[in-house]
Amino acid sequence: PAQKVREAGNEQILLTERGTMFGYNNLVVDFR
């Protein structure tokens, strides 16, 4: 996804961690 923004000419990118699905109705965060 970041590469798509860069290829469109914009290098001002933030990436946000918001958890990963862990089965139904639940999220976990892998802080790595």
PDB file of all heavy atoms in Angstrom:
ATOM      1  N   PRO A   1       0.818  -1.218   0.000  1.00  0.00           N
ATOM      2  CA  PRO A   1       0.000   0.000   0.000  1.00  0.00           C
ATOM      3  C   PRO A   1       0.854   1.272   0.000  1.00  0.00           C
ATOM      4  O   PRO A   1       0.527   2.245  -0.707  1.00  0.00           O
ATOM      5  CB  PRO A   1      -0.816  -0.127   1.295  1.00  0.00           C
ATOM      6  CG  PRO A   1      -0.883  -1.589   1.546  1.00  0.00           C
ATOM      7  CD  PRO A   1       0.445  -2.117   1.109  1.00  0.00           C
ATOM      8  N   ALA A   2       1.941   1.255   0.792  1.00  0.00           N
ATOM      9  CA  ALA A   2       2.814   2.433   0.823  1.00  0.00           C
ATOM     10  C   ALA A   2       3.466   2.666  -0.532  1.00  0.00           C
ATOM     11  O   ALA A   2       3.618   3.810  -0.977  1.00  0.00           O
ATOM     12  CB  ALA A   2       3.873   2.259   1.911  1.00  0.00           C
ATOM     13  N   GLN A   3       3.831   1.577  -1.199  1.00  0.00           N
ATOM     14  CA  GLN A   3       4.454   1.706  -2.510  1.00  0.00           C
ATOM     15  C   GLN A   3       3.505   2.367  -3.517  1.00  0.00           C
ATOM     16  O   GLN A   3       3.929   3.159  -4.365  1.00  0.00           O
ATOM     17  CB  GLN A   3       4.877   0.333  -3.026  1.00  0.00           C
ATOM     18  CG  GLN A   3       5.606   0.376  -4.365  1.00  0.00           C
ATOM     19  CD  GLN A   3       5.871  -1.016  -4.915  1.00  0.00           C
ATOM     20  OE1 GLN A   3       5.009  -1.881  -4.855  1.00  0.00           O
ATOM     21  NE2 GLN A   3       7.073  -1.230  -5.431  1.00  0.00           N
ATOM     22  N   LYS A   4       2.216   2.047  -3.419  1.00  0.00           N
ATOM     23  CA  LYS A   4       1.241   2.657  -4.327  1.00  0.00           C
ATOM     24  C   LYS A   4       1.205   4.171  -4.146  1.00  0.00           C
ATOM     25  O   LYS A   4       1.111   4.922  -5.129  1.00  0.00           O
ATOM     26  CB  LYS A   4      -0.135   2.055  -4.092  1.00  0.00           C
ATOM     27  CG  LYS A   4      -0.237   0.590  -4.483  1.00  0.00           C
ATOM     28  CD  LYS A   4      -1.601   0.009  -4.131  1.00  0.00           C
ATOM     29  CE  LYS A   4      -1.661  -1.480  -4.477  1.00  0.00           C
ATOM     30  NZ  LYS A   4      -2.971  -2.083  -4.154  1.00  0.00           N
ATOM     31  N   VAL A   5       1.284   4.628  -2.883  1.00  0.00           N
ATOM     32  CA  VAL A   5       1.298   6.063  -2.613  1.00  0.00           C
ATOM     33  C   VAL A   5       2.583   6.691  -3.143  1.00  0.00           C
ATOM     34  O   VAL A   5       2.560   7.759  -3.773  1.00  0.00           O
ATOM     35  CB  VAL A   5       1.116   6.324  -1.107  1.00  0.00           C
ATOM     36  CG1 VAL A   5       1.276   7.812  -0.786  1.00  0.00           C
ATOM     37  CG2 VAL A   5      -0.254   5.839  -0.644  1.00  0.00           C
ATOM     38  N   ARG A   6       3.702   6.032  -2.909  1.00  0.00           N
ATOM     39  CA  ARG A   6       4.989   6.552  -3.393  1.00  0.00           C
ATOM     40  C   ARG A   6       5.017   6.617  -4.921  1.00  0.00           C
ATOM     41  O   ARG A   6       5.493   7.604  -5.504  1.00  0.00           O
ATOM     42  CB  ARG A   6       6.145   5.678  -2.897  1.00  0.00           C
ATOM     43  CG  ARG A   6       6.416   5.775  -1.414  1.00  0.00           C
ATOM     44  CD  ARG A   6       7.554   4.849  -1.019  1.00  0.00           C
ATOM     45  NE  ARG A   6       8.790   5.264  -1.636  1.00  0.00           N
ATOM     46  CZ  ARG A   6       9.738   5.979  -1.022  1.00  0.00           C
ATOM     47  NH1 ARG A   6       9.548   6.378   0.230  1.00  0.00           N
ATOM     48  NH2 ARG A   6      10.849   6.303  -1.638  1.00  0.00           N
ATOM     49  N   GLU A   7       4.524   5.567  -5.570  1.00  0.00           N
ATOM     50  CA  GLU A   7       4.539   5.543  -7.040  1.00  0.00           C
ATOM     51  C   GLU A   7       3.641   6.629  -7.630  1.00  0.00           C
ATOM     52  O   GLU A   7       3.832   7.058  -8.771  1.00  0.00           O
ATOM     53  CB  GLU A   7       4.106   4.169  -7.545  1.00  0.00           C
ATOM     54  CG  GLU A   7       5.108   3.051  -7.282  1.00  0.00           C
ATOM     55  CD  GLU A   7       6.389   3.216  -8.084  1.00  0.00           C
ATOM     56  OE1 GLU A   7       6.311   3.651  -9.251  1.00  0.00           O
ATOM     57  OE2 GLU A   7       7.480   2.925  -7.543  1.00  0.00           O
ATOM     58  N   ALA A   8       2.683   7.093  -6.823  1.00  0.00           N
ATOM     59  CA  ALA A   8       1.822   8.192  -7.260  1.00  0.00           C
ATOM     60  C   ALA A   8       2.457   9.552  -6.980  1.00  0.00           C
ATOM     61  O   ALA A   8       1.831  10.581  -7.224  1.00  0.00           O
ATOM     62  CB  ALA A   8       0.458   8.093  -6.587  1.00  0.00           C
ATOM     63  N   GLY A   9       3.679   9.544  -6.438  1.00  0.00           N
ATOM     64  CA  GLY A   9       4.432  10.783  -6.275  1.00  0.00           C
ATOM     65  C   GLY A   9       4.386  11.409  -4.898  1.00  0.00           C
ATOM     66  O   GLY A   9       4.764  12.572  -4.738  1.00  0.00           O
ATOM     67  N   ASN A  10       3.960  10.655  -3.892  1.00  0.00           N
ATOM     68  CA  ASN A  10       3.833  11.208  -2.538  1.00  0.00           C
ATOM     69  C   ASN A  10       4.606  10.326  -1.565  1.00  0.00           C
ATOM     70  O   ASN A  10       4.304   9.138  -1.420  1.00  0.00           O
ATOM     71  CB  ASN A  10       2.358  11.280  -2.149  1.00  0.00           C
ATOM     72  CG  ASN A  10       2.127  12.051  -0.867  1.00  0.00           C
ATOM     73  OD1 ASN A  10       3.008  12.186  -0.030  1.00  0.00           O
ATOM     74  ND2 ASN A  10       0.909  12.557  -0.687  1.00  0.00           N
ATOM     75  N   GLU A  11       5.589  10.895  -0.893  1.00  0.00           N
ATOM     76  CA  GLU A  11       6.387  10.136   0.070  1.00  0.00           C
ATOM     77  C   GLU A  11       6.036  10.472   1.517  1.00  0.00           C
ATOM     78  O   GLU A  11       6.699  10.013   2.444  1.00  0.00           O
ATOM     79  CB  GLU A  11       7.880  10.373  -0.183  1.00  0.00           C
ATOM     80  CG  GLU A  11       8.322   9.896  -1.560  1.00  0.00           C
ATOM     81  CD  GLU A  11       9.815   9.934  -1.749  1.00  0.00           C
ATOM     82  OE1 GLU A  11      10.538  10.317  -0.796  1.00  0.00           O
ATOM     83  OE2 GLU A  11      10.278   9.585  -2.855  1.00  0.00           O
ATOM     84  N   GLN A  12       4.972  11.253   1.706  1.00  0.00           N
ATOM     85  CA  GLN A  12       4.549  11.626   3.060  1.00  0.00           C
ATOM     86  C   GLN A  12       3.540  10.584   3.562  1.00  0.00           C
ATOM     87  O   GLN A  12       2.335  10.732   3.399  1.00  0.00           O
ATOM     88  CB  GLN A  12       3.921  13.011   3.062  1.00  0.00           C
ATOM     89  CG  GLN A  12       4.870  14.115   2.630  1.00  0.00           C
ATOM     90  CD  GLN A  12       4.220  15.468   2.762  1.00  0.00           C
ATOM     91  OE1 GLN A  12       4.497  16.240   3.694  1.00  0.00           O
ATOM     92  NE2 GLN A  12       3.344  15.780   1.840  1.00  0.00           N
ATOM     93  N   ILE A  13       4.066   9.536   4.163  1.00  0.00           N
ATOM     94  CA  ILE A  13       3.251   8.373   4.505  1.00  0.00           C
ATOM     95  C   ILE A  13       3.387   8.048   5.985  1.00  0.00           C
ATOM     96  O   ILE A  13       4.491   8.067   6.543  1.00  0.00           O
ATOM     97  CB  ILE A  13       3.696   7.150   3.664  1.00  0.00           C
ATOM     98  CG1 ILE A  13       3.495   7.432   2.170  1.00  0.00           C
ATOM     99  CG2 ILE A  13       2.944   5.887   4.086  1.00  0.00           C
ATOM    100  CD1 ILE A  13       4.193   6.437   1.265  1.00  0.00           C
ATOM    101  N   LEU A  14       2.256   7.765   6.618  1.00  0.00           N
ATOM    102  CA  LEU A  14       2.218   7.191   7.964  1.00  0.00           C
ATOM    103  C   LEU A  14       1.588   5.810   7.857  1.00  0.00           C
ATOM    104  O   LEU A  14       0.690   5.593   7.042  1.00  0.00           O
ATOM    105  CB  LEU A  14       1.373   8.042   8.913  1.00  0.00           C
ATOM    106  CG  LEU A  14       1.739   9.515   9.097  1.00  0.00           C
ATOM    107  CD1 LEU A  14       0.689  10.203   9.982  1.00  0.00           C
ATOM    108  CD2 LEU A  14       3.120   9.660   9.707  1.00  0.00           C
ATOM    109  N   LEU A  15       2.042   4.888   8.689  1.00  0.00           N
ATOM    110  CA  LEU A  15       1.430   3.567   8.783  1.00  0.00           C
ATOM    111  C   LEU A  15       0.898   3.384  10.192  1.00  0.00           C
ATOM    112  O   LEU A  15       1.569   3.735  11.161  1.00  0.00           O
ATOM    113  CB  LEU A  15       2.445   2.466   8.461  1.00  0.00           C
ATOM    114  CG  LEU A  15       3.083   2.522   7.065  1.00  0.00           C
ATOM    115  CD1 LEU A  15       4.092   1.389   6.902  1.00  0.00           C
ATOM    116  CD2 LEU A  15       2.033   2.452   5.959  1.00  0.00           C
ATOM    117  N   THR A  16      -0.312   2.847  10.302  1.00  0.00           N
ATOM    118  CA  THR A  16      -0.952   2.725  11.610  1.00  0.00           C
ATOM    119  C   THR A  16      -1.273   1.269  11.925  1.00  0.00           C
ATOM    120  O   THR A  16      -1.925   0.580  11.139  1.00  0.00           O
ATOM    121  CB  THR A  16      -2.241   3.561  11.660  1.00  0.00           C
ATOM    122  OG1 THR A  16      -1.886   4.944  11.594  1.00  0.00           O
ATOM    123  CG2 THR A  16      -2.998   3.320  12.956  1.00  0.00           C
ATOM    124  N   GLU A  17      -0.825   0.828  13.087  1.00  0.00           N
ATOM    125  CA  GLU A  17      -1.141  -0.503  13.616  1.00  0.00           C
ATOM    126  C   GLU A  17      -2.473  -0.439  14.355  1.00  0.00           C
ATOM    127  O   GLU A  17      -2.689   0.449  15.174  1.00  0.00           O
ATOM    128  CB  GLU A  17      -0.030  -0.964  14.566  1.00  0.00           C
ATOM    129  CG  GLU A  17      -0.358  -2.167  15.411  1.00  0.00           C
ATOM    130  CD  GLU A  17      -0.664  -3.424  14.588  1.00  0.00           C
ATOM    131  OE1 GLU A  17      -0.074  -3.591  13.498  1.00  0.00           O
ATOM    132  OE2 GLU A  17      -1.490  -4.230  15.054  1.00  0.00           O
ATOM    133  N   ARG A  18      -3.389  -1.407  14.073  1.00  0.00           N
ATOM    134  CA  ARG A  18      -4.687  -1.378  14.750  1.00  0.00           C
ATOM    135  C   ARG A  18      -5.202  -2.777  15.077  1.00  0.00           C
ATOM    136  O   ARG A  18      -6.402  -2.995  15.210  1.00  0.00           O
ATOM    137  CB  ARG A  18      -5.699  -0.572  13.929  1.00  0.00           C
ATOM    138  CG  ARG A  18      -5.901  -1.000  12.520  1.00  0.00           C
ATOM    139  CD  ARG A  18      -7.050  -1.915  12.326  1.00  0.00           C
ATOM    140  NE  ARG A  18      -8.312  -1.241  12.450  1.00  0.00           N
ATOM    141  CZ  ARG A  18      -9.264  -1.598  13.302  1.00  0.00           C
ATOM    142  NH1 ARG A  18      -9.107  -2.651  14.067  1.00  0.00           N
ATOM    143  NH2 ARG A  18     -10.405  -0.957  13.347  1.00  0.00           N
ATOM    144  N   GLY A  19      -4.261  -3.735  15.185  1.00  0.00           N
ATOM    145  CA  GLY A  19      -4.646  -5.071  15.588  1.00  0.00           C
ATOM    146  C   GLY A  19      -4.880  -6.009  14.421  1.00  0.00           C
ATOM    147  O   GLY A  19      -5.005  -5.588  13.266  1.00  0.00           O
ATOM    148  N   THR A  20      -4.932  -7.290  14.726  1.00  0.00           N
ATOM    149  CA  THR A  20      -5.096  -8.350  13.741  1.00  0.00           C
ATOM    150  C   THR A  20      -6.238  -9.260  14.175  1.00  0.00           C
ATOM    151  O   THR A  20      -6.371  -9.559  15.370  1.00  0.00           O
ATOM    152  CB  THR A  20      -3.793  -9.167  13.626  1.00  0.00           C
ATOM    153  OG1 THR A  20      -2.726  -8.293  13.230  1.00  0.00           O
ATOM    154  CG2 THR A  20      -3.927 -10.284  12.593  1.00  0.00           C
ATOM    155  N   MET A  21      -7.047  -9.695  13.231  1.00  0.00           N
ATOM    156  CA  MET A  21      -8.156 -10.581  13.566  1.00  0.00           C
ATOM    157  C   MET A  21      -7.648 -11.866  14.204  1.00  0.00           C
ATOM    158  O   MET A  21      -6.703 -12.479  13.733  1.00  0.00           O
ATOM    159  CB  MET A  21      -8.981 -10.924  12.325  1.00  0.00           C
ATOM    160  CG  MET A  21      -9.794  -9.772  11.785  1.00  0.00           C
ATOM    161  SD  MET A  21     -10.950  -9.036  12.977  1.00  0.00           S
ATOM    162  CE  MET A  21     -11.983 -10.426  13.420  1.00  0.00           C
ATOM    163  N   PHE A  22      -8.307 -12.273  15.277  1.00  0.00           N
ATOM    164  CA  PHE A  22      -7.951 -13.499  15.987  1.00  0.00           C
ATOM    165  C   PHE A  22      -9.254 -14.266  16.210  1.00  0.00           C
ATOM    166  O   PHE A  22      -9.916 -14.131  17.233  1.00  0.00           O
ATOM    167  CB  PHE A  22      -7.277 -13.155  17.318  1.00  0.00           C
ATOM    168  CG  PHE A  22      -6.725 -14.343  18.043  1.00  0.00           C
ATOM    169  CD1 PHE A  22      -5.589 -14.990  17.584  1.00  0.00           C
ATOM    170  CD2 PHE A  22      -7.338 -14.812  19.195  1.00  0.00           C
ATOM    171  CE1 PHE A  22      -5.073 -16.075  18.255  1.00  0.00           C
ATOM    172  CE2 PHE A  22      -6.821 -15.905  19.878  1.00  0.00           C
ATOM    173  CZ  PHE A  22      -5.692 -16.547  19.405  1.00  0.00           C
ATOM    174  N   GLY A  23      -9.643 -15.028  15.190  1.00  0.00           N
ATOM    175  CA  GLY A  23     -10.940 -15.672  15.262  1.00  0.00           C
ATOM    176  C   GLY A  23     -12.048 -14.653  15.069  1.00  0.00           C
ATOM    177  O   GLY A  23     -11.840 -13.544  14.582  1.00  0.00           O
ATOM    178  N   TYR A  24     -13.266 -15.015  15.484  1.00  0.00           N
ATOM    179  CA  TYR A  24     -14.410 -14.129  15.323  1.00  0.00           C
ATOM    180  C   TYR A  24     -14.478 -13.102  16.449  1.00  0.00           C
ATOM    181  O   TYR A  24     -14.222 -13.417  17.607  1.00  0.00           O
ATOM    182  CB  TYR A  24     -15.714 -14.942  15.319  1.00  0.00           C
ATOM    183  CG  TYR A  24     -15.796 -15.938  14.196  1.00  0.00           C
ATOM    184  CD1 TYR A  24     -15.805 -17.304  14.454  1.00  0.00           C
ATOM    185  CD2 TYR A  24     -15.861 -15.508  12.872  1.00  0.00           C
ATOM    186  CE1 TYR A  24     -15.891 -18.231  13.420  1.00  0.00           C
ATOM    187  CE2 TYR A  24     -15.943 -16.417  11.828  1.00  0.00           C
ATOM    188  CZ  TYR A  24     -15.957 -17.778  12.106  1.00  0.00           C
ATOM    189  OH  TYR A  24     -16.033 -18.672  11.081  1.00  0.00           O
ATOM    190  N   ASN A  25     -14.841 -11.845  16.086  1.00  0.00           N
ATOM    191  CA  ASN A  25     -15.151 -10.799  17.077  1.00  0.00           C
ATOM    192  C   ASN A  25     -13.999 -10.469  18.009  1.00  0.00           C
ATOM    193  O   ASN A  25     -14.210  -9.999  19.119  1.00  0.00           O
ATOM    194  CB  ASN A  25     -16.372 -11.207  17.931  1.00  0.00           C
ATOM    195  CG  ASN A  25     -17.577 -11.541  17.090  1.00  0.00           C
ATOM    196  OD1 ASN A  25     -18.166 -12.606  17.261  1.00  0.00           O
ATOM    197  ND2 ASN A  25     -17.952 -10.668  16.183  1.00  0.00           N
ATOM    198  N   ASN A  26     -12.774 -10.690  17.576  1.00  0.00           N
ATOM    199  CA  ASN A  26     -11.665 -10.416  18.479  1.00  0.00           C
ATOM    200  C   ASN A  26     -10.445  -9.947  17.689  1.00  0.00           C
ATOM    201  O   ASN A  26     -10.218 -10.377  16.563  1.00  0.00           O
ATOM    202  CB  ASN A  26     -11.299 -11.657  19.291  1.00  0.00           C
ATOM    203  CG  ASN A  26     -10.617 -11.311  20.598  1.00  0.00           C
ATOM    204  OD1 ASN A  26     -10.541 -10.148  20.976  1.00  0.00           O
ATOM    205  ND2 ASN A  26     -10.108 -12.303  21.291  1.00  0.00           N
ATOM    206  N   LEU A  27      -9.683  -9.065  18.315  1.00  0.00           N
ATOM    207  CA  LEU A  27      -8.436  -8.574  17.748  1.00  0.00           C
ATOM    208  C   LEU A  27      -7.307  -8.825  18.741  1.00  0.00           C
ATOM    209  O   LEU A  27      -7.519  -8.822  19.956  1.00  0.00           O
ATOM    210  CB  LEU A  27      -8.499  -7.069  17.478  1.00  0.00           C
ATOM    211  CG  LEU A  27      -9.510  -6.564  16.454  1.00  0.00           C
ATOM    212  CD1 LEU A  27      -9.546  -5.030  16.478  1.00  0.00           C
ATOM    213  CD2 LEU A  27      -9.150  -7.041  15.058  1.00  0.00           C
ATOM    214  N   VAL A  28      -6.124  -9.047  18.217  1.00  0.00           N
ATOM    215  CA  VAL A  28      -4.920  -9.048  19.043  1.00  0.00           C
ATOM    216  C   VAL A  28      -3.922  -8.103  18.392  1.00  0.00           C
ATOM    217  O   VAL A  28      -4.013  -7.812  17.192  1.00  0.00           O
ATOM    218  CB  VAL A  28      -4.298 -10.457  19.192  1.00  0.00           C
ATOM    219  CG1 VAL A  28      -5.237 -11.389  19.925  1.00  0.00           C
ATOM    220  CG2 VAL A  28      -3.916 -11.031  17.837  1.00  0.00           C
ATOM    221  N   VAL A  29      -2.981  -7.610  19.180  1.00  0.00           N
ATOM    222  CA  VAL A  29      -1.934  -6.737  18.647  1.00  0.00           C
ATOM    223  C   VAL A  29      -0.593  -7.438  18.785  1.00  0.00           C
ATOM    224  O   VAL A  29      -0.203  -7.845  19.882  1.00  0.00           O
ATOM    225  CB  VAL A  29      -1.892  -5.390  19.389  1.00  0.00           C
ATOM    226  CG1 VAL A  29      -0.730  -4.542  18.866  1.00  0.00           C
ATOM    227  CG2 VAL A  29      -3.203  -4.645  19.205  1.00  0.00           C
ATOM    228  N   ASP A  30       0.084  -7.596  17.682  1.00  0.00           N
ATOM    229  CA  ASP A  30       1.460  -8.072  17.673  1.00  0.00           C
ATOM    230  C   ASP A  30       2.339  -6.826  17.604  1.00  0.00           C
ATOM    231  O   ASP A  30       2.489  -6.225  16.541  1.00  0.00           O
ATOM    232  CB  ASP A  30       1.702  -8.984  16.468  1.00  0.00           C
ATOM    233  CG  ASP A  30       3.119  -9.550  16.430  1.00  0.00           C
ATOM    234  OD1 ASP A  30       3.964  -9.085  17.233  1.00  0.00           O
ATOM    235  OD2 ASP A  30       3.383 -10.429  15.594  1.00  0.00           O
ATOM    236  N   PHE A  31       2.893  -6.432  18.736  1.00  0.00           N
ATOM    237  CA  PHE A  31       3.626  -5.169  18.793  1.00  0.00           C
ATOM    238  C   PHE A  31       4.923  -5.204  17.988  1.00  0.00           C
ATOM    239  O   PHE A  31       5.527  -4.157  17.751  1.00  0.00           O
ATOM    240  CB  PHE A  31       3.873  -4.771  20.251  1.00  0.00           C
ATOM    241  CG  PHE A  31       2.630  -4.273  20.938  1.00  0.00           C
ATOM    242  CD1 PHE A  31       1.856  -5.132  21.704  1.00  0.00           C
ATOM    243  CD2 PHE A  31       2.210  -2.968  20.782  1.00  0.00           C
ATOM    244  CE1 PHE A  31       0.695  -4.684  22.318  1.00  0.00           C
ATOM    245  CE2 PHE A  31       1.047  -2.512  21.390  1.00  0.00           C
ATOM    246  CZ  PHE A  31       0.289  -3.378  22.162  1.00  0.00           C
ATOM    247  N   ARG A  32       5.343  -6.378  17.549  1.00  0.00           N
ATOM    248  CA  ARG A  32       6.499  -6.437  16.651  1.00  0.00           C
ATOM    249  C   ARG A  32       6.198  -5.732  15.337  1.00  0.00           C
ATOM    250  O   ARG A  32       7.126  -5.336  14.614  1.00  0.00           O
ATOM    251  CB  ARG A  32       6.876  -7.901  16.380  1.00  0.00           C
ATOM    252  CG  ARG A  32       7.372  -8.651  17.610  1.00  0.00           C
ATOM    253  CD  ARG A  32       7.585 -10.119  17.317  1.00  0.00           C
ATOM    254  NE  ARG A  32       6.329 -10.779  16.939  1.00  0.00           N
ATOM    255  CZ  ARG A  32       6.239 -12.082  16.652  1.00  0.00           C
ATOM    256  NH1 ARG A  32       7.322 -12.845  16.687  1.00  0.00           N
ATOM    257  NH2 ARG A  32       5.056 -12.602  16.318  1.00  0.00           N
TER     258      ARG A  32
END
